């Protein structure tokens, strides 16, 4: 190769190599800093565009997850209240049966009546306290609640179980345990209330289970979609960190090579000494 003081070909080669090294170093450093292999459109326009669409879907799924979580919570609270009411119905039946015994004394009747009143008060508490996020499916006048089940706005429903409150109000209004005959009549009224509780217990359990199953499914979908998104755009941090170190070494060598190349024209001055 001819020597020239106007055109230093070796310096051009060294400079081109240094530019390439700098570009690779910037790319690797960006991956380490952001954690993404594709952080923006400049990295990979098509992959970034697809990733943005997936991120939008994930945001929609987040809304569905929140709605289903609310539904599952309301269903669980309602189910707990109904289960406890159902348990107390058995206690009420036993207490009213005792009060239907004409052989008990007035003192015993007073004790049993006090216990009966305490049980009915507890049932009322369970019904009034079966509230979640401001909703109570057991209270009088309650309405069904719908919850998102997918990103197409399909919904699942928790039906109102206000028949329980209505039946309880009827029971407490008609039931009297002042005498053995009154207590015997109260057993029939209690049976109607018990049937309302059993019906609501089964209906709410079925609907709450559907919400829980759908919530579990959506959570699994979100996990899978997030994993797929990560595979598309996430950086291999270990590899990127190693690349940064390698490119830094290449950069140092490139600077030295450029320095050596730039010294070649100076060497020509020796010919004139």
Protein backbone atom coordinates (compact mmCIF):
# COMPACT_ATOMS: atom_id res chain seq x y z
CA UNK A 1 0.00 0.00 0.00
CA UNK A 2 1.35 3.43 -0.96
CA UNK A 3 2.20 5.85 1.79
CA UNK A 4 0.33 9.17 1.75
CA UNK A 5 0.09 12.17 4.04
CA UNK A 6 -3.24 13.22 2.49
CA UNK A 7 -5.15 9.95 2.82
CA UNK A 8 -4.54 7.70 5.80
CA UNK A 9 -6.35 4.48 4.86
CA UNK A 10 -5.28 2.69 8.04
CA UNK A 11 -6.81 5.45 10.15
CA UNK A 12 -10.07 5.16 8.19
CA UNK A 13 -10.23 1.43 8.88
CA UNK A 14 -9.47 1.92 12.56
CA UNK A 15 -12.04 4.70 12.81
CA UNK A 16 -14.75 2.59 11.10
CA UNK A 17 -14.05 -0.29 13.48
CA UNK A 18 -14.20 2.10 16.43
CA UNK A 19 -17.59 3.44 15.28
CA UNK A 20 -18.97 -0.10 15.00
CA UNK A 21 -17.66 -0.93 18.45
CA UNK A 22 -19.25 2.23 19.88
CA UNK A 23 -22.61 1.33 18.30
CA UNK A 24 -22.48 -2.18 19.74
CA UNK A 25 -21.45 -0.79 23.12
CA UNK A 26 -24.38 1.66 23.11
CA UNK A 27 -26.79 -1.17 22.25
CA UNK A 28 -25.50 -3.45 25.01
CA UNK A 29 -25.44 -0.60 27.55
CA UNK A 30 -29.03 0.30 26.70
CA UNK A 31 -30.11 -3.28 27.33
CA UNK A 32 -28.40 -3.29 30.72
CA UNK A 33 -29.90 0.09 31.66
CA UNK A 34 -33.49 -0.61 30.54
CA UNK A 35 -33.68 -4.39 30.92
CA UNK A 36 -35.19 -4.57 27.44
CA UNK A 37 -33.79 -5.98 24.24
CA UNK A 38 -36.47 -3.94 22.45
CA UNK A 39 -37.01 -0.79 24.52
CA UNK A 40 -38.43 1.37 21.74
CA UNK A 41 -39.15 1.39 18.02
CA UNK A 42 -35.55 2.25 17.16
CA UNK A 43 -34.44 -1.15 18.48
CA UNK A 44 -36.91 -3.21 16.40
CA UNK A 45 -39.93 -1.41 14.97
CA UNK A 46 -42.10 -4.45 14.22
CA UNK A 47 -41.41 -6.24 17.50
CA UNK A 48 -42.01 -3.03 19.48
CA UNK A 49 -45.33 -2.49 17.71
CA UNK A 50 -46.47 -6.01 18.51
CA UNK A 51 -45.32 -5.63 22.11
CA UNK A 52 -47.30 -2.42 22.51
CA UNK A 53 -50.44 -4.27 21.39
CA UNK A 54 -49.78 -7.01 23.93
CA UNK A 55 -49.25 -4.43 26.68
CA UNK A 56 -52.62 -2.89 25.83
CA UNK A 57 -54.23 -6.33 26.14
CA UNK A 58 -52.56 -6.81 29.52
CA UNK A 59 -54.02 -3.52 30.74
CA UNK A 60 -57.47 -4.73 29.69
CA UNK A 61 -56.88 -8.01 31.50
CA UNK A 62 -55.92 -6.04 34.61
CA UNK A 63 -59.37 -4.44 34.60
CA UNK A 64 -60.96 -7.89 34.27
CA UNK A 65 -58.83 -9.23 37.13
CA UNK A 66 -59.99 -6.39 39.37
CA UNK A 67 -63.65 -6.93 38.53
CA UNK A 68 -63.44 -10.69 39.08
CA UNK A 69 -61.61 -10.16 42.37
CA UNK A 70 -64.45 -7.92 43.55
CA UNK A 71 -66.99 -10.52 42.46
CA UNK A 72 -65.15 -13.35 44.18
CA UNK A 73 -64.87 -11.25 47.35
CA UNK A 74 -68.58 -10.41 47.39
CA UNK A 75 -69.48 -14.03 46.68
CA UNK A 76 -67.25 -15.27 49.50
CA UNK A 77 -68.65 -12.80 52.03
CA UNK A 78 -72.23 -13.67 51.04
CA UNK A 79 -71.46 -17.37 51.27
CA UNK A 80 -69.92 -16.97 54.72
CA UNK A 81 -72.97 -15.08 55.95
CA UNK A 82 -75.39 -17.65 54.52
CA UNK A 83 -73.39 -20.52 56.01
CA UNK A 84 -73.45 -18.94 59.46
CA UNK A 85 -77.16 -18.17 59.16
CA UNK A 86 -77.77 -21.77 58.12
CA UNK A 87 -75.89 -22.97 61.19
CA UNK A 88 -77.98 -20.73 63.44
CA UNK A 89 -81.22 -22.01 61.91
CA UNK A 90 -80.41 -25.38 63.45
CA UNK A 91 -79.84 -23.72 66.80
CA UNK A 92 -83.12 -21.83 66.47
CA UNK A 93 -84.97 -25.02 65.67
CA UNK A 94 -83.57 -26.70 68.76
CA UNK A 95 -84.43 -23.69 70.94
CA UNK A 96 -87.99 -23.36 69.61
CA UNK A 97 -88.49 -27.10 70.12
CA UNK A 98 -87.52 -26.65 73.76
CA UNK A 99 -89.97 -23.77 74.03
CA UNK A 100 -92.73 -25.95 72.51
CA UNK A 101 -92.47 -28.23 75.53
CA UNK A 102 -95.48 -27.45 77.68
CA UNK A 103 -93.87 -28.99 80.75
CA UNK A 104 -91.14 -26.40 81.22
CA UNK A 105 -91.45 -23.88 84.01
CA UNK A 106 -91.96 -20.15 83.56
CA UNK A 107 -88.38 -19.53 84.62
CA UNK A 108 -87.07 -22.00 82.05
CA UNK A 109 -89.26 -20.41 79.37
CA UNK A 110 -87.80 -17.02 80.18
CA UNK A 111 -84.26 -18.38 79.88
CA UNK A 112 -85.00 -20.16 76.61
CA UNK A 113 -86.82 -17.10 75.25
CA UNK A 114 -83.83 -14.90 76.02
CA UNK A 115 -81.58 -17.33 74.19
CA UNK A 116 -84.01 -17.41 71.25
CA UNK A 117 -83.95 -13.61 71.02
CA UNK A 118 -80.15 -13.58 71.09
CA UNK A 119 -80.04 -16.09 68.22
CA UNK A 120 -82.46 -14.07 66.08
CA UNK A 121 -80.42 -10.93 66.77
CA UNK A 122 -77.28 -12.73 65.60
CA UNK A 123 -79.02 -13.84 62.40
CA UNK A 124 -79.99 -10.22 61.76
CA UNK A 125 -76.36 -9.18 62.29
CA UNK A 126 -75.09 -11.76 59.82
CA UNK A 127 -77.54 -10.55 57.18
CA UNK A 128 -76.81 -6.85 57.70
CA UNK A 129 -73.03 -7.35 57.85
CA UNK A 130 -72.76 -9.46 54.67
CA UNK A 131 -71.36 -6.42 52.85
CA UNK A 132 -68.36 -6.21 50.54
CA UNK A 133 -67.21 -3.04 48.83
CA UNK A 134 -70.55 -1.39 49.61
CA UNK A 135 -72.72 -4.24 48.28
CA UNK A 136 -74.94 -6.59 50.26
CA UNK A 137 -76.78 -9.30 48.32
CA UNK A 138 -78.80 -10.43 51.35
CA UNK A 139 -80.41 -7.14 52.36
CA UNK A 140 -83.93 -6.22 51.33
CA UNK A 141 -84.08 -4.48 47.95
CA UNK A 142 -80.63 -5.65 46.87
CA UNK A 143 -79.94 -6.07 43.16
CA UNK A 144 -77.83 -8.54 41.21
CA UNK A 145 -74.24 -7.56 40.53
CA UNK A 146 -72.39 -8.23 37.27
CA UNK A 147 -68.64 -8.54 36.85
CA UNK A 148 -66.36 -8.58 33.80
CA UNK A 149 -65.24 -12.07 32.87
CA UNK A 150 -63.06 -11.32 29.81
CA UNK A 151 -61.75 -8.51 27.64
CA UNK A 152 -64.82 -8.72 25.38
CA UNK A 153 -66.94 -7.32 28.23
CA UNK A 154 -68.73 -10.63 28.80
CA UNK A 155 -69.99 -10.76 32.37
CA UNK A 156 -70.78 -13.13 35.21
CA UNK A 157 -73.54 -12.41 37.71
CA UNK A 158 -74.07 -12.75 41.43
CA UNK A 159 -77.82 -12.83 41.99
CA UNK A 160 -79.49 -10.92 44.80
CA UNK A 161 -80.49 -13.18 47.68
CA UNK A 162 -82.86 -10.72 49.34
CA UNK A 163 -85.42 -13.52 49.80
CA UNK A 164 -83.38 -14.48 52.88
CA UNK A 165 -83.99 -11.10 54.51
CA UNK A 166 -87.64 -11.17 53.49
CA UNK A 167 -88.15 -14.67 54.90
CA UNK A 168 -86.36 -13.72 58.11
CA UNK A 169 -88.53 -10.62 58.54
CA UNK A 170 -91.62 -12.78 58.05
CA UNK A 171 -90.33 -15.32 60.55
CA UNK A 172 -89.50 -12.81 63.28
CA UNK A 173 -92.78 -10.97 62.71
CA UNK A 174 -94.93 -14.10 63.02
CA UNK A 175 -92.91 -16.23 65.42
CA UNK A 176 -93.86 -16.09 69.07
CA UNK A 177 -92.54 -18.30 71.83
CA UNK A 178 -94.68 -16.94 74.62
CA UNK A 179 -96.38 -20.30 74.99
CA UNK A 180 -95.85 -23.91 73.96
CA UNK A 181 -98.50 -23.65 71.24
CA UNK A 182 -96.98 -20.44 69.89
CA UNK A 183 -93.57 -22.09 69.76
CA UNK A 184 -95.02 -25.07 67.89
CA UNK A 185 -96.48 -22.70 65.30
CA UNK A 186 -93.13 -20.89 65.05
CA UNK A 187 -91.49 -24.10 63.89
CA UNK A 188 -93.53 -23.94 60.67
CA UNK A 189 -92.49 -20.33 60.06
CA UNK A 190 -88.87 -21.28 60.72
CA UNK A 191 -89.10 -24.04 58.10
CA UNK A 192 -89.99 -21.45 55.44
CA UNK A 193 -87.01 -19.31 56.46
CA UNK A 194 -84.74 -22.37 56.46
CA UNK A 195 -85.81 -23.23 52.91
CA UNK A 196 -85.02 -19.69 51.73
CA UNK A 197 -81.57 -19.89 53.31
CA UNK A 198 -80.84 -23.29 51.75
CA UNK A 199 -81.93 -22.14 48.29
CA UNK A 200 -79.83 -18.98 48.47
CA UNK A 201 -76.87 -20.90 49.87
CA UNK A 202 -76.79 -23.24 46.87
CA UNK A 203 -77.42 -20.52 44.28
CA UNK A 204 -74.73 -18.19 45.63
CA UNK A 205 -72.22 -21.04 45.96
CA UNK A 206 -72.65 -21.94 42.29
CA UNK A 207 -72.28 -18.36 41.06
CA UNK A 208 -69.36 -17.57 43.38
CA UNK A 209 -67.55 -20.71 42.21
CA UNK A 210 -67.93 -19.60 38.59
CA UNK A 211 -66.35 -16.25 39.45
CA UNK A 212 -63.47 -17.90 41.29
CA UNK A 213 -62.77 -20.34 38.47
CA UNK A 214 -62.85 -17.56 35.87
CA UNK A 215 -60.57 -15.42 38.05
CA UNK A 216 -58.06 -18.27 38.26
CA UNK A 217 -58.23 -18.74 34.49
CA UNK A 218 -57.69 -15.04 33.73
CA UNK A 219 -54.75 -14.96 36.13
CA UNK A 220 -53.20 -17.90 34.28
CA UNK A 221 -53.79 -16.17 30.92
CA UNK A 222 -52.17 -12.96 32.18
CA UNK A 223 -49.15 -14.90 33.43
CA UNK A 224 -48.77 -16.63 30.05
CA UNK A 225 -49.17 -13.42 28.05
CA UNK A 226 -46.66 -11.60 30.28
CA UNK A 227 -44.20 -14.45 29.85
CA UNK A 228 -44.59 -14.32 26.08
CA UNK A 229 -44.12 -10.56 26.07
CA UNK A 230 -40.98 -10.90 28.14
CA UNK A 231 -39.56 -13.47 25.74
CA UNK A 232 -40.08 -10.99 22.89
CA UNK A 233 -38.65 -7.82 24.38
CA UNK A 234 -36.70 -8.57 27.57
CA UNK A 235 -32.93 -8.52 27.45
CA UNK A 236 -30.64 -11.29 28.65
CA UNK A 237 -28.97 -9.12 31.27
CA UNK A 238 -26.09 -11.52 31.85
CA UNK A 239 -25.28 -11.66 28.16
CA UNK A 240 -25.73 -7.91 27.75
CA UNK A 241 -23.39 -7.19 30.68
CA UNK A 242 -20.77 -9.48 29.18
CA UNK A 243 -21.20 -7.73 25.83
CA UNK A 244 -20.63 -4.34 27.48
CA UNK A 245 -17.33 -5.51 28.92
CA UNK A 246 -16.25 -7.07 25.62
CA UNK A 247 -17.11 -3.94 23.65
CA UNK A 248 -15.28 -1.75 26.15
CA UNK A 249 -12.14 -3.82 25.58
CA UNK A 250 -12.65 -3.57 21.81
CA UNK A 251 -13.12 0.17 22.20
CA UNK A 252 -9.81 0.53 24.01
CA UNK A 253 -8.07 -1.54 21.34
CA UNK A 254 -9.76 0.53 18.64
CA UNK A 255 -8.50 3.76 20.19
CA UNK A 256 -4.98 2.34 20.31
CA UNK A 257 -5.25 1.18 16.69
CA UNK A 258 -6.40 4.62 15.59
CA UNK A 259 -3.54 6.20 17.51
CA UNK A 260 -1.03 3.91 15.76
CA UNK A 261 -2.59 4.63 12.37
CA UNK A 262 -2.39 8.36 12.95
CA UNK A 263 1.32 8.06 13.71
CA UNK A 264 2.11 6.64 10.23
CA UNK A 265 2.14 10.01 8.37
CA UNK A 266 4.50 11.37 11.03
CA UNK A 267 6.88 8.51 10.23
CA UNK A 268 7.22 9.87 6.67
CA UNK A 269 8.91 12.93 8.07
CA UNK A 270 11.88 10.73 8.87
CA UNK A 271 12.58 10.38 5.14
CA UNK A 272 13.45 14.07 5.01
CA UNK A 273 15.84 14.10 7.90
